[in-house]
Structures are given as structure tokens and as C-alpha cells.
Amino acid sequence: MPSPKTRLERLNEILRILEERGGKARFKEVYAVLALKHGVTRKTFWDYLETLKTAGKIDYPTAFLRHQEDDIEIRIV
């Protein structure tokens, strides 16, 4: 498990990636950056997204089919 400082850095990196892409991006675009750069797993990435959504920083649809996960749109609120 990453340290709290590392976790915060990755949460901020997700927000930075979204800002660079005009405030929104598809799941696979953001996940690919963190997976390649830091070796983040899908489960950990989902944990990061849930944290940001709970904090009111981002929004994404919660109802989707499993095979459509890569195409959901994540938006800065």
C-alpha cells in the first residue's frame, strides 16, 4: 500500500491529467498513465477514483457494463 504522501501525489496527478485534457478524459486514458508510470493496478486506481469522487473533486457514471469500464468518462466537478 502506498504511503499517505504517495497516495496524495497520485490523487493530485489524476486531477492534473484531467485538467490537461480539458477537465475530462476516458478511464483508460488516465489509468494508462498511472499504470505505466507507477505500476498502479486497476483495483488501486478505482480506489483513487472513489476517494476523489467522495471528496467531490470528480464525477463519473456508476452504472456501466463491465466491458465498458475503459470508456467511461471521468470529469472534474
PDB file of N, CA and C in Angstrom:
ATOM      1  N   MET A   1       0.852  -1.177   0.000  1.00  0.00           N
ATOM      2  CA  MET A   1       0.000   0.000   0.000  1.00  0.00           C
ATOM      3  C   MET A   1       0.898   1.241   0.000  1.00  0.00           C
ATOM      4  N   PRO A   2       0.585   2.197  -0.856  1.00  0.00           N
ATOM      5  CA  PRO A   2       1.416   3.407  -0.906  1.00  0.00           C
ATOM      6  C   PRO A   2       1.278   4.223   0.378  1.00  0.00           C
ATOM      7  N   SER A   3       2.304   4.970   0.679  1.00  0.00           N
ATOM      8  CA  SER A   3       2.256   5.846   1.854  1.00  0.00           C
ATOM      9  C   SER A   3       1.214   6.938   1.614  1.00  0.00           C
ATOM     10  N   PRO A   4       0.723   7.574   2.686  1.00  0.00           N
ATOM     11  CA  PRO A   4      -0.254   8.658   2.507  1.00  0.00           C
ATOM     12  C   PRO A   4       0.253   9.759   1.571  1.00  0.00           C
ATOM     13  N   LYS A   5       1.549  10.071   1.654  1.00  0.00           N
ATOM     14  CA  LYS A   5       2.104  11.111   0.787  1.00  0.00           C
ATOM     15  C   LYS A   5       2.046  10.668  -0.674  1.00  0.00           C
ATOM     16  N   THR A   6       2.426   9.406  -0.940  1.00  0.00           N
ATOM     17  CA  THR A   6       2.387   8.877  -2.303  1.00  0.00           C
ATOM     18  C   THR A   6       0.953   8.849  -2.818  1.00  0.00           C
ATOM     19  N   ARG A   7       0.025   8.429  -1.970  1.00  0.00           N
ATOM     20  CA  ARG A   7      -1.389   8.381  -2.360  1.00  0.00           C
ATOM     21  C   ARG A   7      -1.877   9.777  -2.739  1.00  0.00           C
ATOM     22  N   LEU A   8      -1.564  10.767  -1.933  1.00  0.00           N
ATOM     23  CA  LEU A   8      -1.967  12.143  -2.223  1.00  0.00           C
ATOM     24  C   LEU A   8      -1.348  12.625  -3.530  1.00  0.00           C
ATOM     25  N   GLU A   9      -0.097  12.297  -3.765  1.00  0.00           N
ATOM     26  CA  GLU A   9       0.570  12.681  -5.013  1.00  0.00           C
ATOM     27  C   GLU A   9      -0.141  12.067  -6.215  1.00  0.00           C
ATOM     28  N   ARG A  10      -0.555  10.821  -6.092  1.00  0.00           N
ATOM     29  CA  ARG A  10      -1.246  10.159  -7.213  1.00  0.00           C
ATOM     30  C   ARG A  10      -2.653  10.706  -7.410  1.00  0.00           C
ATOM     31  N   LEU A  11      -3.333  11.048  -6.331  1.00  0.00           N
ATOM     32  CA  LEU A  11      -4.648  11.682  -6.460  1.00  0.00           C
ATOM     33  C   LEU A  11      -4.508  13.017  -7.184  1.00  0.00           C
ATOM     34  N   ASN A  12      -3.500  13.790  -6.805  1.00  0.00           N
ATOM     35  CA  ASN A  12      -3.252  15.070  -7.475  1.00  0.00           C
ATOM     36  C   ASN A  12      -2.845  14.864  -8.929  1.00  0.00           C
ATOM     37  N   GLU A  13      -2.128  13.791  -9.206  1.00  0.00           N
ATOM     38  CA  GLU A  13      -1.731  13.510 -10.586  1.00  0.00           C
ATOM     39  C   GLU A  13      -2.951  13.198 -11.453  1.00  0.00           C
ATOM     40  N   ILE A  14      -3.912  12.480 -10.900  1.00  0.00           N
ATOM     41  CA  ILE A  14      -5.152  12.205 -11.637  1.00  0.00           C
ATOM     42  C   ILE A  14      -5.845  13.521 -11.976  1.00  0.00           C
ATOM     43  N   LEU A  15      -5.947  14.413 -11.008  1.00  0.00           N
ATOM     44  CA  LEU A  15      -6.577  15.715 -11.256  1.00  0.00           C
ATOM     45  C   LEU A  15      -5.801  16.512 -12.300  1.00  0.00           C
ATOM     46  N   ARG A  16      -4.480  16.459 -12.240  1.00  0.00           N
ATOM     47  CA  ARG A  16      -3.641  17.181 -13.206  1.00  0.00           C
ATOM     48  C   ARG A  16      -3.859  16.632 -14.616  1.00  0.00           C
ATOM     49  N   ILE A  17      -3.922  15.317 -14.744  1.00  0.00           N
ATOM     50  CA  ILE A  17      -4.151  14.692 -16.051  1.00  0.00           C
ATOM     51  C   ILE A  17      -5.496  15.151 -16.613  1.00  0.00           C
ATOM     52  N   LEU A  18      -6.518  15.161 -15.767  1.00  0.00           N
ATOM     53  CA  LEU A  18      -7.842  15.603 -16.215  1.00  0.00           C
ATOM     54  C   LEU A  18      -7.821  17.071 -16.629  1.00  0.00           C
ATOM     55  N   GLU A  19      -7.144  17.906 -15.854  1.00  0.00           N
ATOM     56  CA  GLU A  19      -7.052  19.331 -16.197  1.00  0.00           C
ATOM     57  C   GLU A  19      -6.346  19.530 -17.533  1.00  0.00           C
ATOM     58  N   GLU A  20      -5.291  18.776 -17.770  1.00  0.00           N
ATOM     59  CA  GLU A  20      -4.548  18.879 -19.031  1.00  0.00           C
ATOM     60  C   GLU A  20      -5.400  18.473 -20.228  1.00  0.00           C
ATOM     61  N   ARG A  21      -6.401  17.663 -19.998  1.00  0.00           N
ATOM     62  CA  ARG A  21      -7.252  17.182 -21.089  1.00  0.00           C
ATOM     63  C   ARG A  21      -8.596  17.900 -21.117  1.00  0.00           C
ATOM     64  N   GLY A  22      -8.614  19.099 -20.598  1.00  0.00           N
ATOM     65  CA  GLY A  22      -9.827  19.907 -20.667  1.00  0.00           C
ATOM     66  C   GLY A  22     -10.862  19.577 -19.609  1.00  0.00           C
ATOM     67  N   GLY A  23     -10.461  18.939 -18.524  1.00  0.00           N
ATOM     68  CA  GLY A  23     -11.386  18.650 -17.435  1.00  0.00           C
ATOM     69  C   GLY A  23     -12.082  17.316 -17.525  1.00  0.00           C
ATOM     70  N   LYS A  24     -11.793  16.554 -18.572  1.00  0.00           N
ATOM     71  CA  LYS A  24     -12.410  15.232 -18.687  1.00  0.00           C
ATOM     72  C   LYS A  24     -11.518  14.312 -19.518  1.00  0.00           C
ATOM     73  N   ALA A  25     -11.647  13.021 -19.257  1.00  0.00           N
ATOM     74  CA  ALA A  25     -10.891  12.015 -20.002  1.00  0.00           C
ATOM     75  C   ALA A  25     -11.552  10.660 -19.780  1.00  0.00           C
ATOM     76  N   ARG A  26     -11.267   9.741 -20.668  1.00  0.00           N
ATOM     77  CA  ARG A  26     -11.794   8.389 -20.506  1.00  0.00           C
ATOM     78  C   ARG A  26     -10.954   7.635 -19.482  1.00  0.00           C
ATOM     79  N   PHE A  27     -11.586   6.679 -18.840  1.00  0.00           N
ATOM     80  CA  PHE A  27     -10.949   5.856 -17.816  1.00  0.00           C
ATOM     81  C   PHE A  27      -9.611   5.314 -18.297  1.00  0.00           C
ATOM     82  N   LYS A  28      -9.603   4.709 -19.482  1.00  0.00           N
ATOM     83  CA  LYS A  28      -8.376   4.051 -19.947  1.00  0.00           C
ATOM     84  C   LYS A  28      -7.245   5.040 -20.210  1.00  0.00           C
ATOM     85  N   GLU A  29      -7.563   6.288 -20.550  1.00  0.00           N
ATOM     86  CA  GLU A  29      -6.516   7.286 -20.793  1.00  0.00           C
ATOM     87  C   GLU A  29      -5.793   7.648 -19.499  1.00  0.00           C
ATOM     88  N   VAL A  30      -6.558   7.835 -18.442  1.00  0.00           N
ATOM     89  CA  VAL A  30      -5.965   8.216 -17.160  1.00  0.00           C
ATOM     90  C   VAL A  30      -5.295   7.006 -16.513  1.00  0.00           C
ATOM     91  N   TYR A  31      -5.980   5.869 -16.548  1.00  0.00           N
ATOM     92  CA  TYR A  31      -5.421   4.653 -15.946  1.00  0.00           C
ATOM     93  C   TYR A  31      -4.109   4.261 -16.615  1.00  0.00           C
ATOM     94  N   ALA A  32      -4.028   4.382 -17.919  1.00  0.00           N
ATOM     95  CA  ALA A  32      -2.811   4.001 -18.645  1.00  0.00           C
ATOM     96  C   ALA A  32      -1.601   4.785 -18.151  1.00  0.00           C
ATOM     97  N   VAL A  33      -1.781   6.074 -17.902  1.00  0.00           N
ATOM     98  CA  VAL A  33      -0.669   6.910 -17.426  1.00  0.00           C
ATOM     99  C   VAL A  33      -0.175   6.403 -16.070  1.00  0.00           C
ATOM    100  N   LEU A  34      -1.091   6.183 -15.136  1.00  0.00           N
ATOM    101  CA  LEU A  34      -0.681   5.746 -13.801  1.00  0.00           C
ATOM    102  C   LEU A  34      -0.149   4.314 -13.799  1.00  0.00           C
ATOM    103  N   ALA A  35      -0.718   3.456 -14.625  1.00  0.00           N
ATOM    104  CA  ALA A  35      -0.244   2.070 -14.685  1.00  0.00           C
ATOM    105  C   ALA A  35       1.169   2.004 -15.246  1.00  0.00           C
ATOM    106  N   LEU A  36       1.425   2.749 -16.306  1.00  0.00           N
ATOM    107  CA  LEU A  36       2.755   2.725 -16.917  1.00  0.00           C
ATOM    108  C   LEU A  36       3.794   3.440 -16.061  1.00  0.00           C
ATOM    109  N   LYS A  37       3.412   4.557 -15.483  1.00  0.00           N
ATOM    110  CA  LYS A  37       4.365   5.375 -14.730  1.00  0.00           C
ATOM    111  C   LYS A  37       4.651   4.816 -13.332  1.00  0.00           C
ATOM    112  N   HIS A  38       3.605   4.303 -12.661  1.00  0.00           N
ATOM    113  CA  HIS A  38       3.751   3.899 -11.261  1.00  0.00           C
ATOM    114  C   HIS A  38       3.409   2.433 -10.995  1.00  0.00           C
ATOM    115  N   GLY A  39       2.943   1.708 -11.999  1.00  0.00           N
ATOM    116  CA  GLY A  39       2.565   0.312 -11.786  1.00  0.00           C
ATOM    117  C   GLY A  39       1.283   0.150 -10.985  1.00  0.00           C
ATOM    118  N   VAL A  40       0.400   1.135 -11.053  1.00  0.00           N
ATOM    119  CA  VAL A  40      -0.863   1.108 -10.313  1.00  0.00           C
ATOM    120  C   VAL A  40      -1.774   0.033 -10.910  1.00  0.00           C
ATOM    121  N   THR A  41      -2.408  -0.761 -10.052  1.00  0.00           N
ATOM    122  CA  THR A  41      -3.351  -1.782 -10.511  1.00  0.00           C
ATOM    123  C   THR A  41      -4.728  -1.149 -10.721  1.00  0.00           C
ATOM    124  N   ARG A  42      -5.601  -1.862 -11.432  1.00  0.00           N
ATOM    125  CA  ARG A  42      -6.969  -1.361 -11.643  1.00  0.00           C
ATOM    126  C   ARG A  42      -7.682  -1.161 -10.307  1.00  0.00           C
ATOM    127  N   LYS A  43      -7.521  -2.110  -9.401  1.00  0.00           N
ATOM    128  CA  LYS A  43      -8.187  -2.001  -8.098  1.00  0.00           C
ATOM    129  C   LYS A  43      -7.730  -0.740  -7.360  1.00  0.00           C
ATOM    130  N   THR A  44      -6.439  -0.494  -7.343  1.00  0.00           N
ATOM    131  CA  THR A  44      -5.916   0.708  -6.685  1.00  0.00           C
ATOM    132  C   THR A  44      -6.409   1.962  -7.389  1.00  0.00           C
ATOM    133  N   PHE A  45      -6.438   1.936  -8.728  1.00  0.00           N
ATOM    134  CA  PHE A  45      -6.922   3.089  -9.483  1.00  0.00           C
ATOM    135  C   PHE A  45      -8.382   3.374  -9.134  1.00  0.00           C
ATOM    136  N   TRP A  46      -9.209   2.325  -9.051  1.00  0.00           N
ATOM    137  CA  TRP A  46     -10.603   2.519  -8.658  1.00  0.00           C
ATOM    138  C   TRP A  46     -10.690   3.111  -7.257  1.00  0.00           C
ATOM    139  N   ASP A  47      -9.831   2.673  -6.353  1.00  0.00           N
ATOM    140  CA  ASP A  47      -9.811   3.254  -5.001  1.00  0.00           C
ATOM    141  C   ASP A  47      -9.516   4.751  -5.066  1.00  0.00           C
ATOM    142  N   TYR A  48      -8.558   5.134  -5.911  1.00  0.00           N
ATOM    143  CA  TYR A  48      -8.228   6.555  -6.080  1.00  0.00           C
ATOM    144  C   TYR A  48      -9.440   7.321  -6.613  1.00  0.00           C
ATOM    145  N   LEU A  49     -10.104   6.758  -7.630  1.00  0.00           N
ATOM    146  CA  LEU A  49     -11.274   7.434  -8.201  1.00  0.00           C
ATOM    147  C   LEU A  49     -12.390   7.587  -7.174  1.00  0.00           C
ATOM    148  N   GLU A  50     -12.622   6.534  -6.393  1.00  0.00           N
ATOM    149  CA  GLU A  50     -13.671   6.603  -5.371  1.00  0.00           C
ATOM    150  C   GLU A  50     -13.348   7.671  -4.325  1.00  0.00           C
ATOM    151  N   THR A  51     -12.086   7.784  -3.952  1.00  0.00           N
ATOM    152  CA  THR A  51     -11.667   8.811  -2.997  1.00  0.00           C
ATOM    153  C   THR A  51     -11.944  10.204  -3.553  1.00  0.00           C
ATOM    154  N   LEU A  52     -11.567  10.429  -4.815  1.00  0.00           N
ATOM    155  CA  LEU A  52     -11.782  11.740  -5.439  1.00  0.00           C
ATOM    156  C   LEU A  52     -13.267  12.041  -5.621  1.00  0.00           C
ATOM    157  N   LYS A  53     -14.055  11.017  -5.941  1.00  0.00           N
ATOM    158  CA  LYS A  53     -15.497  11.225  -6.109  1.00  0.00           C
ATOM    159  C   LYS A  53     -16.142  11.556  -4.763  1.00  0.00           C
ATOM    160  N   THR A  54     -15.759  10.848  -3.717  1.00  0.00           N
ATOM    161  CA  THR A  54     -16.287  11.106  -2.380  1.00  0.00           C
ATOM    162  C   THR A  54     -15.937  12.521  -1.916  1.00  0.00           C
ATOM    163  N   ALA A  55     -14.754  12.984  -2.294  1.00  0.00           N
ATOM    164  CA  ALA A  55     -14.311  14.337  -1.927  1.00  0.00           C
ATOM    165  C   ALA A  55     -14.969  15.415  -2.788  1.00  0.00           C
ATOM    166  N   GLY A  56     -15.743  15.009  -3.794  1.00  0.00           N
ATOM    167  CA  GLY A  56     -16.424  15.973  -4.650  1.00  0.00           C
ATOM    168  C   GLY A  56     -15.528  16.615  -5.693  1.00  0.00           C
ATOM    169  N   LYS A  57     -14.400  15.994  -5.993  1.00  0.00           N
ATOM    170  CA  LYS A  57     -13.449  16.549  -6.963  1.00  0.00           C
ATOM    171  C   LYS A  57     -13.730  16.092  -8.392  1.00  0.00           C
ATOM    172  N   ILE A  58     -14.248  14.867  -8.540  1.00  0.00           N
ATOM    173  CA  ILE A  58     -14.531  14.329  -9.870  1.00  0.00           C
ATOM    174  C   ILE A  58     -15.905  13.672  -9.869  1.00  0.00           C
ATOM    175  N   ASP A  59     -16.366  13.349 -11.072  1.00  0.00           N
ATOM    176  CA  ASP A  59     -17.607  12.597 -11.222  1.00  0.00           C
ATOM    177  C   ASP A  59     -17.441  11.629 -12.378  1.00  0.00           C
ATOM    178  N   TYR A  60     -18.123  10.510 -12.296  1.00  0.00           N
ATOM    179  CA  TYR A  60     -18.133   9.517 -13.370  1.00  0.00           C
ATOM    180  C   TYR A  60     -19.384   8.671 -13.188  1.00  0.00           C
ATOM    181  N   PRO A  61     -19.881   8.080 -14.268  1.00  0.00           N
ATOM    182  CA  PRO A  61     -21.078   7.250 -14.144  1.00  0.00           C
ATOM    183  C   PRO A  61     -20.780   6.001 -13.314  1.00  0.00           C
ATOM    184  N   THR A  62     -21.735   5.607 -12.497  1.00  0.00           N
ATOM    185  CA  THR A  62     -21.536   4.417 -11.677  1.00  0.00           C
ATOM    186  C   THR A  62     -22.247   3.201 -12.252  1.00  0.00           C
ATOM    187  N   ALA A  63     -23.119   3.415 -13.217  1.00  0.00           N
ATOM    188  CA  ALA A  63     -23.819   2.303 -13.856  1.00  0.00           C
ATOM    189  C   ALA A  63     -23.255   2.100 -15.260  1.00  0.00           C
ATOM    190  N   PHE A  64     -22.559   0.995 -15.440  1.00  0.00           N
ATOM    191  CA  PHE A  64     -21.994   0.655 -16.743  1.00  0.00           C
ATOM    192  C   PHE A  64     -21.735  -0.841 -16.771  1.00  0.00           C
ATOM    193  N   LEU A  65     -21.644  -1.389 -17.958  1.00  0.00           N
ATOM    194  CA  LEU A  65     -21.335  -2.805 -18.102  1.00  0.00           C
ATOM    195  C   LEU A  65     -19.846  -3.018 -17.913  1.00  0.00           C
ATOM    196  N   ARG A  66     -19.476  -4.140 -17.387  1.00  0.00           N
ATOM    197  CA  ARG A  66     -18.072  -4.426 -17.064  1.00  0.00           C
ATOM    198  C   ARG A  66     -17.153  -4.205 -18.262  1.00  0.00           C
ATOM    199  N   HIS A  67     -17.555  -4.628 -19.451  1.00  0.00           N
ATOM    200  CA  HIS A  67     -16.692  -4.480 -20.630  1.00  0.00           C
ATOM    201  C   HIS A  67     -16.621  -3.033 -21.127  1.00  0.00           C
ATOM    202  N   GLN A  68     -17.426  -2.140 -20.566  1.00  0.00           N
ATOM    203  CA  GLN A  68     -17.412  -0.730 -20.961  1.00  0.00           C
ATOM    204  C   GLN A  68     -16.599   0.137 -20.003  1.00  0.00           C
ATOM    205  N   GLU A  69     -15.982  -0.466 -19.015  1.00  0.00           N
ATOM    206  CA  GLU A  69     -15.229   0.263 -17.996  1.00  0.00           C
ATOM    207  C   GLU A  69     -14.200   1.213 -18.604  1.00  0.00           C
ATOM    208  N   ASP A  70     -13.473   0.770 -19.615  1.00  0.00           N
ATOM    209  CA  ASP A  70     -12.413   1.587 -20.210  1.00  0.00           C
ATOM    210  C   ASP A  70     -12.937   2.856 -20.866  1.00  0.00           C
ATOM    211  N   ASP A  71     -14.195   2.869 -21.253  1.00  0.00           N
ATOM    212  CA  ASP A  71     -14.740   4.002 -21.994  1.00  0.00           C
ATOM    213  C   ASP A  71     -15.539   4.987 -21.147  1.00  0.00           C
ATOM    214  N   ILE A  72     -15.671   4.747 -19.842  1.00  0.00           N
ATOM    215  CA  ILE A  72     -16.415   5.718 -19.039  1.00  0.00           C
ATOM    216  C   ILE A  72     -15.644   7.030 -18.980  1.00  0.00           C
ATOM    217  N   GLU A  73     -16.385   8.118 -18.900  1.00  0.00           N
ATOM    218  CA  GLU A  73     -15.764   9.440 -18.871  1.00  0.00           C
ATOM    219  C   GLU A  73     -15.658   9.932 -17.428  1.00  0.00           C
ATOM    220  N   ILE A  74     -14.461  10.356 -17.057  1.00  0.00           N
ATOM    221  CA  ILE A  74     -14.202  10.934 -15.742  1.00  0.00           C
ATOM    222  C   ILE A  74     -14.118  12.445 -15.939  1.00  0.00           C
ATOM    223  N   ARG A  75     -14.853  13.205 -15.108  1.00  0.00           N
ATOM    224  CA  ARG A  75     -14.883  14.663 -15.251  1.00  0.00           C
ATOM    225  C   ARG A  75     -14.538  15.335 -13.931  1.00  0.00           C
ATOM    226  N   ILE A  76     -13.856  16.466 -14.034  1.00  0.00           N
ATOM    227  CA  ILE A  76     -13.622  17.306 -12.859  1.00  0.00           C
ATOM    228  C   ILE A  76     -14.917  18.042 -12.559  1.00  0.00           C
ATOM    229  N   VAL A  77     -15.287  18.101 -11.303  1.00  0.00           N
ATOM    230  CA  VAL A  77     -16.521  18.777 -10.889  1.00  0.00           C
ATOM    231  C   VAL A  77     -16.217  20.238 -10.627  1.00  0.00           C
TER     232      VAL A  77
END
